[in-house]
Amino acid sequence: MTPEDQVSEKTRAHLRSVRQILLRLHKTLLDFERLAYEREHGKISNSYEFLNLAMHNPWFSWLRHLSELIVEMDELLDAREPVSENTAVALIEQSRLLLIPSESGSEFQRKYFTSVQQSPEVVMAHSEFAKLLGPARLSKEIH
């Protein structure tokens, strides 16, 4: 890989910023889903039980797409080998496409749509993400 093909510092910094916002959004979504889960199944007794549910229970499975994307960003940012600009830009674009709330999109997008509809905290976190990546990405279905 030629130096011209390697990820620029500007893109690397942008990816770090996107990752930080995604981490906050992920926590907000986990908190939202935890409350919904507890309303239906009773209180989660401790952090270990919650972690186990988040990792293995189908209720939380839709959030794994976001978890995996954050892990991919971590791996790219921590890579010892040179990383291409295209790979970094593709991860940013992947996050943009994933976080389009839609009643008729993927499972993630449908559940994300519901979260945006029901949680002011999710709306605020999504707004922060949209500001970083440009014009508001909230779908017309939300308005």
N, C-alpha and C. Protein backbone atom coordinates (compact mmCIF):
# COMPACT_ATOMS: atom_id res chain seq x y z
N MET A 1 0.86 -1.18 0.00
CA MET A 1 0.00 0.00 0.00
C MET A 1 0.90 1.23 0.00
N THR A 2 0.61 2.13 -0.91
CA THR A 2 1.40 3.35 -0.99
C THR A 2 0.94 4.32 0.10
N PRO A 3 1.82 5.22 0.51
CA PRO A 3 1.42 6.20 1.54
C PRO A 3 0.18 7.01 1.14
N GLU A 4 0.00 7.25 -0.16
CA GLU A 4 -1.16 8.01 -0.61
C GLU A 4 -2.47 7.26 -0.37
N ASP A 5 -2.39 5.92 -0.33
CA ASP A 5 -3.59 5.10 -0.12
C ASP A 5 -3.94 4.94 1.36
N GLN A 6 -3.00 5.26 2.24
CA GLN A 6 -3.22 5.06 3.67
C GLN A 6 -4.18 6.10 4.23
N VAL A 7 -4.85 5.70 5.30
CA VAL A 7 -5.83 6.59 5.92
C VAL A 7 -5.15 7.88 6.39
N SER A 8 -5.76 9.00 6.05
CA SER A 8 -5.22 10.30 6.45
C SER A 8 -5.51 10.57 7.92
N GLU A 9 -4.75 11.47 8.50
CA GLU A 9 -4.99 11.84 9.90
C GLU A 9 -6.36 12.49 10.06
N LYS A 10 -6.78 13.25 9.06
CA LYS A 10 -8.10 13.88 9.11
C LYS A 10 -9.21 12.82 9.16
N THR A 11 -9.10 11.80 8.32
CA THR A 11 -10.11 10.73 8.31
C THR A 11 -10.04 9.92 9.60
N ARG A 12 -8.83 9.66 10.07
CA ARG A 12 -8.66 8.91 11.33
C ARG A 12 -9.31 9.68 12.49
N ALA A 13 -9.11 10.98 12.55
CA ALA A 13 -9.71 11.80 13.60
C ALA A 13 -11.24 11.81 13.47
N HIS A 14 -11.72 11.88 12.24
CA HIS A 14 -13.17 11.85 12.02
C HIS A 14 -13.75 10.51 12.46
N LEU A 15 -13.04 9.42 12.14
CA LEU A 15 -13.49 8.09 12.55
C LEU A 15 -13.52 7.99 14.08
N ARG A 16 -12.53 8.55 14.76
CA ARG A 16 -12.53 8.55 16.23
C ARG A 16 -13.75 9.30 16.77
N SER A 17 -14.07 10.42 16.16
CA SER A 17 -15.24 11.20 16.59
C SER A 17 -16.53 10.43 16.37
N VAL A 18 -16.65 9.80 15.21
CA VAL A 18 -17.84 8.98 14.92
C VAL A 18 -17.94 7.86 15.94
N ARG A 19 -16.83 7.19 16.22
CA ARG A 19 -16.82 6.09 17.18
C ARG A 19 -17.28 6.55 18.56
N GLN A 20 -16.80 7.71 19.01
CA GLN A 20 -17.20 8.21 20.34
C GLN A 20 -18.71 8.45 20.40
N ILE A 21 -19.25 9.03 19.36
CA ILE A 21 -20.69 9.28 19.34
C ILE A 21 -21.45 7.96 19.28
N LEU A 22 -20.95 7.00 18.49
CA LEU A 22 -21.61 5.70 18.42
C LEU A 22 -21.60 4.99 19.77
N LEU A 23 -20.52 5.13 20.52
CA LEU A 23 -20.47 4.54 21.87
C LEU A 23 -21.56 5.12 22.77
N ARG A 24 -21.71 6.44 22.73
CA ARG A 24 -22.75 7.08 23.55
C ARG A 24 -24.14 6.66 23.08
N LEU A 25 -24.33 6.61 21.78
CA LEU A 25 -25.61 6.18 21.23
C LEU A 25 -25.91 4.74 21.61
N HIS A 26 -24.90 3.89 21.53
CA HIS A 26 -25.06 2.47 21.90
C HIS A 26 -25.50 2.34 23.36
N LYS A 27 -24.85 3.10 24.24
CA LYS A 27 -25.24 3.05 25.66
C LYS A 27 -26.67 3.54 25.84
N THR A 28 -27.04 4.60 25.15
CA THR A 28 -28.40 5.14 25.24
C THR A 28 -29.41 4.10 24.77
N LEU A 29 -29.10 3.41 23.68
CA LEU A 29 -30.00 2.37 23.17
C LEU A 29 -30.08 1.19 24.12
N LEU A 30 -28.95 0.80 24.70
CA LEU A 30 -28.96 -0.28 25.69
C LEU A 30 -29.82 0.09 26.90
N ASP A 31 -29.68 1.30 27.38
CA ASP A 31 -30.50 1.75 28.52
C ASP A 31 -31.98 1.74 28.16
N PHE A 32 -32.31 2.20 26.97
CA PHE A 32 -33.70 2.22 26.51
C PHE A 32 -34.25 0.79 26.44
N GLU A 33 -33.49 -0.12 25.85
CA GLU A 33 -33.94 -1.51 25.73
C GLU A 33 -34.01 -2.20 27.09
N ARG A 34 -33.10 -1.85 27.98
CA ARG A 34 -33.14 -2.43 29.32
C ARG A 34 -34.45 -2.09 30.01
N LEU A 35 -34.85 -0.83 29.93
CA LEU A 35 -36.12 -0.42 30.55
C LEU A 35 -37.30 -1.17 29.94
N ALA A 36 -37.31 -1.29 28.63
CA ALA A 36 -38.40 -2.01 27.96
C ALA A 36 -38.40 -3.48 28.37
N TYR A 37 -37.22 -4.09 28.44
CA TYR A 37 -37.10 -5.48 28.85
C TYR A 37 -37.61 -5.66 30.28
N GLU A 38 -37.21 -4.76 31.16
CA GLU A 38 -37.62 -4.86 32.57
C GLU A 38 -39.12 -4.66 32.74
N ARG A 39 -39.73 -3.83 31.92
CA ARG A 39 -41.19 -3.66 31.99
C ARG A 39 -41.90 -4.97 31.67
N GLU A 40 -41.35 -5.72 30.76
CA GLU A 40 -41.99 -6.97 30.35
C GLU A 40 -41.57 -8.18 31.17
N HIS A 41 -40.31 -8.21 31.61
CA HIS A 41 -39.78 -9.42 32.26
C HIS A 41 -39.38 -9.24 33.71
N GLY A 42 -39.49 -8.06 34.24
CA GLY A 42 -39.05 -7.81 35.61
C GLY A 42 -37.64 -7.26 35.66
N LYS A 43 -37.28 -6.76 36.82
CA LYS A 43 -36.00 -6.07 37.00
C LYS A 43 -34.83 -7.01 36.76
N ILE A 44 -33.82 -6.48 36.07
CA ILE A 44 -32.56 -7.19 35.89
C ILE A 44 -31.76 -6.97 37.17
N SER A 45 -31.31 -8.06 37.78
CA SER A 45 -30.78 -7.97 39.14
C SER A 45 -29.40 -7.34 39.27
N ASN A 46 -28.54 -7.48 38.26
CA ASN A 46 -27.19 -6.92 38.39
C ASN A 46 -26.55 -6.71 37.02
N SER A 47 -25.38 -6.11 37.02
CA SER A 47 -24.69 -5.79 35.77
C SER A 47 -24.28 -7.04 35.00
N TYR A 48 -23.88 -8.08 35.73
CA TYR A 48 -23.50 -9.32 35.07
C TYR A 48 -24.69 -9.91 34.31
N GLU A 49 -25.85 -9.94 34.95
CA GLU A 49 -27.04 -10.46 34.28
C GLU A 49 -27.38 -9.62 33.05
N PHE A 50 -27.25 -8.30 33.18
CA PHE A 50 -27.54 -7.42 32.05
C PHE A 50 -26.55 -7.67 30.90
N LEU A 51 -25.28 -7.80 31.22
CA LEU A 51 -24.29 -8.08 30.19
C LEU A 51 -24.61 -9.38 29.47
N ASN A 52 -24.95 -10.40 30.23
CA ASN A 52 -25.30 -11.70 29.65
C ASN A 52 -26.52 -11.57 28.73
N LEU A 53 -27.53 -10.84 29.18
CA LEU A 53 -28.72 -10.63 28.35
C LEU A 53 -28.36 -9.86 27.08
N ALA A 54 -27.58 -8.81 27.23
CA ALA A 54 -27.21 -7.99 26.07
C ALA A 54 -26.43 -8.79 25.04
N MET A 55 -25.64 -9.74 25.51
CA MET A 55 -24.82 -10.54 24.59
C MET A 55 -25.57 -11.72 23.99
N HIS A 56 -26.56 -12.27 24.71
CA HIS A 56 -27.14 -13.54 24.28
C HIS A 56 -28.64 -13.56 24.08
N ASN A 57 -29.37 -12.65 24.69
CA ASN A 57 -30.83 -12.69 24.61
C ASN A 57 -31.31 -12.06 23.30
N PRO A 58 -32.24 -12.72 22.62
CA PRO A 58 -32.76 -12.19 21.35
C PRO A 58 -33.34 -10.78 21.47
N TRP A 59 -33.82 -10.40 22.65
CA TRP A 59 -34.39 -9.06 22.85
C TRP A 59 -33.40 -7.97 22.43
N PHE A 60 -32.12 -8.20 22.71
CA PHE A 60 -31.08 -7.21 22.46
C PHE A 60 -30.30 -7.47 21.17
N SER A 61 -30.66 -8.51 20.44
CA SER A 61 -29.84 -8.92 19.29
C SER A 61 -29.70 -7.84 18.22
N TRP A 62 -30.71 -7.02 18.06
CA TRP A 62 -30.63 -5.99 17.02
C TRP A 62 -29.51 -4.99 17.28
N LEU A 63 -29.13 -4.81 18.55
CA LEU A 63 -28.07 -3.87 18.89
C LEU A 63 -26.67 -4.39 18.55
N ARG A 64 -26.57 -5.68 18.28
CA ARG A 64 -25.26 -6.26 17.98
C ARG A 64 -24.67 -5.72 16.69
N HIS A 65 -25.51 -5.30 15.76
CA HIS A 65 -25.00 -4.70 14.52
C HIS A 65 -24.18 -3.45 14.85
N LEU A 66 -24.69 -2.65 15.75
CA LEU A 66 -23.98 -1.44 16.16
C LEU A 66 -22.73 -1.80 16.96
N SER A 67 -22.83 -2.79 17.83
CA SER A 67 -21.67 -3.24 18.61
C SER A 67 -20.55 -3.70 17.68
N GLU A 68 -20.90 -4.49 16.68
CA GLU A 68 -19.91 -5.02 15.75
C GLU A 68 -19.26 -3.89 14.94
N LEU A 69 -20.03 -2.91 14.56
CA LEU A 69 -19.48 -1.77 13.82
C LEU A 69 -18.47 -1.00 14.67
N ILE A 70 -18.79 -0.81 15.94
CA ILE A 70 -17.86 -0.13 16.85
C ILE A 70 -16.57 -0.94 17.00
N VAL A 71 -16.70 -2.26 17.10
CA VAL A 71 -15.51 -3.12 17.20
C VAL A 71 -14.66 -3.00 15.94
N GLU A 72 -15.29 -2.98 14.77
CA GLU A 72 -14.54 -2.81 13.52
C GLU A 72 -13.78 -1.48 13.52
N MET A 73 -14.41 -0.44 14.03
CA MET A 73 -13.74 0.86 14.11
C MET A 73 -12.55 0.79 15.07
N ASP A 74 -12.75 0.13 16.21
CA ASP A 74 -11.65 -0.04 17.17
C ASP A 74 -10.48 -0.77 16.53
N GLU A 75 -10.78 -1.85 15.81
CA GLU A 75 -9.72 -2.63 15.18
C GLU A 75 -8.96 -1.80 14.15
N LEU A 76 -9.68 -1.01 13.37
CA LEU A 76 -9.02 -0.17 12.38
C LEU A 76 -8.15 0.87 13.06
N LEU A 77 -8.68 1.51 14.09
CA LEU A 77 -7.92 2.56 14.77
C LEU A 77 -6.69 2.01 15.50
N ASP A 78 -6.75 0.74 15.92
CA ASP A 78 -5.64 0.13 16.65
C ASP A 78 -4.73 -0.72 15.77
N ALA A 79 -5.01 -0.79 14.47
CA ALA A 79 -4.25 -1.67 13.57
C ALA A 79 -2.78 -1.28 13.52
N ARG A 80 -1.93 -2.30 13.55
CA ARG A 80 -0.48 -2.06 13.44
C ARG A 80 -0.08 -1.95 11.97
N GLU A 81 -0.82 -2.63 11.12
CA GLU A 81 -0.57 -2.58 9.68
C GLU A 81 -1.22 -1.33 9.10
N PRO A 82 -0.69 -0.82 8.00
CA PRO A 82 -1.33 0.34 7.35
C PRO A 82 -2.76 0.01 6.93
N VAL A 83 -3.62 0.99 7.06
CA VAL A 83 -5.03 0.85 6.71
C VAL A 83 -5.34 1.82 5.58
N SER A 84 -6.17 1.38 4.64
CA SER A 84 -6.48 2.25 3.50
C SER A 84 -7.51 3.31 3.87
N GLU A 85 -7.42 4.43 3.19
CA GLU A 85 -8.39 5.51 3.33
C GLU A 85 -9.79 4.99 3.00
N ASN A 86 -9.88 4.18 1.95
CA ASN A 86 -11.19 3.65 1.53
C ASN A 86 -11.85 2.81 2.62
N THR A 87 -11.04 2.02 3.34
CA THR A 87 -11.59 1.19 4.41
C THR A 87 -12.16 2.05 5.53
N ALA A 88 -11.44 3.08 5.91
CA ALA A 88 -11.92 3.97 6.98
C ALA A 88 -13.18 4.72 6.55
N VAL A 89 -13.18 5.24 5.34
CA VAL A 89 -14.34 5.97 4.83
C VAL A 89 -15.55 5.03 4.73
N ALA A 90 -15.31 3.78 4.34
CA ALA A 90 -16.40 2.80 4.23
C ALA A 90 -17.04 2.54 5.59
N LEU A 91 -16.25 2.49 6.65
CA LEU A 91 -16.81 2.29 7.99
C LEU A 91 -17.68 3.47 8.41
N ILE A 92 -17.24 4.66 8.10
CA ILE A 92 -18.04 5.85 8.42
C ILE A 92 -19.36 5.80 7.65
N GLU A 93 -19.28 5.45 6.38
CA GLU A 93 -20.50 5.37 5.56
C GLU A 93 -21.41 4.24 6.05
N GLN A 94 -20.82 3.14 6.48
CA GLN A 94 -21.62 2.04 7.02
C GLN A 94 -22.41 2.51 8.24
N SER A 95 -21.80 3.31 9.09
CA SER A 95 -22.52 3.82 10.26
C SER A 95 -23.65 4.74 9.83
N ARG A 96 -23.40 5.56 8.82
CA ARG A 96 -24.43 6.48 8.33
C ARG A 96 -25.63 5.69 7.80
N LEU A 97 -25.36 4.64 7.04
CA LEU A 97 -26.44 3.84 6.46
C LEU A 97 -27.20 3.04 7.52
N LEU A 98 -26.47 2.52 8.51
CA LEU A 98 -27.12 1.74 9.57
C LEU A 98 -28.08 2.61 10.37
N LEU A 99 -27.69 3.84 10.64
CA LEU A 99 -28.45 4.70 11.55
C LEU A 99 -29.47 5.58 10.83
N ILE A 100 -30.14 5.00 9.86
CA ILE A 100 -31.27 5.66 9.22
C ILE A 100 -32.52 4.99 9.76
N PRO A 101 -33.24 5.65 10.68
CA PRO A 101 -34.45 5.05 11.22
C PRO A 101 -35.49 4.86 10.11
N SER A 102 -36.10 3.70 10.08
CA SER A 102 -37.08 3.43 9.02
C SER A 102 -38.08 2.39 9.48
N GLU A 103 -39.34 2.65 9.20
CA GLU A 103 -40.38 1.67 9.52
C GLU A 103 -40.30 0.46 8.61
N SER A 104 -39.67 0.59 7.46
CA SER A 104 -39.67 -0.50 6.48
C SER A 104 -38.26 -0.97 6.13
N GLY A 105 -37.25 -0.57 6.88
CA GLY A 105 -35.87 -0.95 6.59
C GLY A 105 -35.51 -2.29 7.22
N SER A 106 -34.23 -2.44 7.50
CA SER A 106 -33.72 -3.65 8.15
C SER A 106 -34.29 -3.77 9.56
N GLU A 107 -34.07 -4.91 10.19
CA GLU A 107 -34.52 -5.08 11.58
C GLU A 107 -33.94 -3.97 12.46
N PHE A 108 -32.65 -3.70 12.29
CA PHE A 108 -32.03 -2.65 13.09
C PHE A 108 -32.74 -1.32 12.85
N GLN A 109 -32.94 -0.96 11.59
CA GLN A 109 -33.55 0.33 11.27
C GLN A 109 -34.97 0.44 11.79
N ARG A 110 -35.72 -0.64 11.78
CA ARG A 110 -37.09 -0.62 12.31
C ARG A 110 -37.07 -0.41 13.82
N LYS A 111 -36.22 -1.15 14.51
CA LYS A 111 -36.16 -1.01 15.97
C LYS A 111 -35.56 0.34 16.35
N TYR A 112 -34.64 0.80 15.56
CA TYR A 112 -34.06 2.12 15.80
C TYR A 112 -35.13 3.19 15.60
N PHE A 113 -35.96 3.04 14.59
CA PHE A 113 -37.07 3.95 14.35
C PHE A 113 -37.97 4.03 15.59
N THR A 114 -38.31 2.87 16.14
CA THR A 114 -39.15 2.82 17.34
C THR A 114 -38.46 3.53 18.51
N SER A 115 -37.17 3.30 18.67
CA SER A 115 -36.42 3.94 19.75
C SER A 115 -36.42 5.45 19.61
N VAL A 116 -36.24 5.93 18.39
CA VAL A 116 -36.24 7.37 18.14
C VAL A 116 -37.63 7.94 18.44
N GLN A 117 -38.67 7.20 18.12
CA GLN A 117 -40.03 7.65 18.36
C GLN A 117 -40.35 7.74 19.86
N GLN A 118 -39.75 6.85 20.66
CA GLN A 118 -40.16 6.72 22.06
C GLN A 118 -39.19 7.32 23.08
N SER A 119 -37.99 7.66 22.66
CA SER A 119 -37.00 8.10 23.64
C SER A 119 -36.36 9.43 23.25
N PRO A 120 -36.59 10.47 24.05
CA PRO A 120 -35.91 11.75 23.79
C PRO A 120 -34.39 11.62 23.86
N GLU A 121 -33.90 10.72 24.71
CA GLU A 121 -32.46 10.52 24.83
C GLU A 121 -31.88 9.96 23.53
N VAL A 122 -32.62 9.04 22.90
CA VAL A 122 -32.16 8.49 21.62
C VAL A 122 -32.19 9.57 20.55
N VAL A 123 -33.22 10.39 20.56
CA VAL A 123 -33.30 11.50 19.59
C VAL A 123 -32.09 12.41 19.74
N MET A 124 -31.73 12.75 20.97
CA MET A 124 -30.58 13.63 21.21
C MET A 124 -29.28 12.98 20.74
N ALA A 125 -29.11 11.70 21.03
CA ALA A 125 -27.90 10.99 20.61
C ALA A 125 -27.84 10.90 19.08
N HIS A 126 -28.99 10.64 18.46
CA HIS A 126 -29.02 10.58 16.99
C HIS A 126 -28.72 11.95 16.39
N SER A 127 -29.22 12.98 17.01
CA SER A 127 -28.97 14.34 16.54
C SER A 127 -27.48 14.66 16.56
N GLU A 128 -26.81 14.24 17.62
CA GLU A 128 -25.37 14.45 17.74
C GLU A 128 -24.64 13.73 16.60
N PHE A 129 -25.06 12.50 16.31
CA PHE A 129 -24.49 11.73 15.21
C PHE A 129 -24.73 12.43 13.88
N ALA A 130 -25.95 12.88 13.66
CA ALA A 130 -26.31 13.54 12.39
C ALA A 130 -25.52 14.84 12.21
N LYS A 131 -25.32 15.59 13.28
CA LYS A 131 -24.55 16.84 13.19
C LYS A 131 -23.12 16.56 12.74
N LEU A 132 -22.54 15.50 13.26
CA LEU A 132 -21.16 15.17 12.91
C LEU A 132 -21.03 14.77 11.44
N LEU A 133 -22.02 14.06 10.94
CA LEU A 133 -21.92 13.54 9.58
C LEU A 133 -22.58 14.42 8.53
N GLY A 134 -23.08 15.56 8.92
CA GLY A 134 -23.64 16.45 7.92
C GLY A 134 -25.11 16.72 8.16
N PRO A 135 -25.87 16.93 7.09
CA PRO A 135 -27.30 17.24 7.22
C PRO A 135 -28.04 16.17 8.02
N ALA A 136 -29.08 16.58 8.68
CA ALA A 136 -29.88 15.65 9.51
C ALA A 136 -30.25 14.43 8.70
N ARG A 137 -30.06 13.25 9.31
CA ARG A 137 -30.32 11.99 8.64
C ARG A 137 -31.64 11.37 9.08
N LEU A 138 -32.41 12.06 9.90
CA LEU A 138 -33.68 11.51 10.32
C LEU A 138 -34.57 11.33 9.10
N SER A 139 -35.14 10.15 8.96
CA SER A 139 -35.95 9.89 7.77
C SER A 139 -37.23 10.71 7.81
N LYS A 140 -37.84 10.89 6.66
CA LYS A 140 -39.09 11.63 6.56
C LYS A 140 -40.19 10.93 7.33
N GLU A 141 -40.04 9.62 7.54
CA GLU A 141 -41.07 8.86 8.26
C GLU A 141 -41.22 9.35 9.69
N ILE A 142 -40.18 9.92 10.26
CA ILE A 142 -40.21 10.34 11.66
C ILE A 142 -41.01 11.62 11.82
N HIS A 143 -40.95 12.50 10.85
CA HIS A 143 -41.60 13.81 10.97
C HIS A 143 -43.05 13.74 10.77
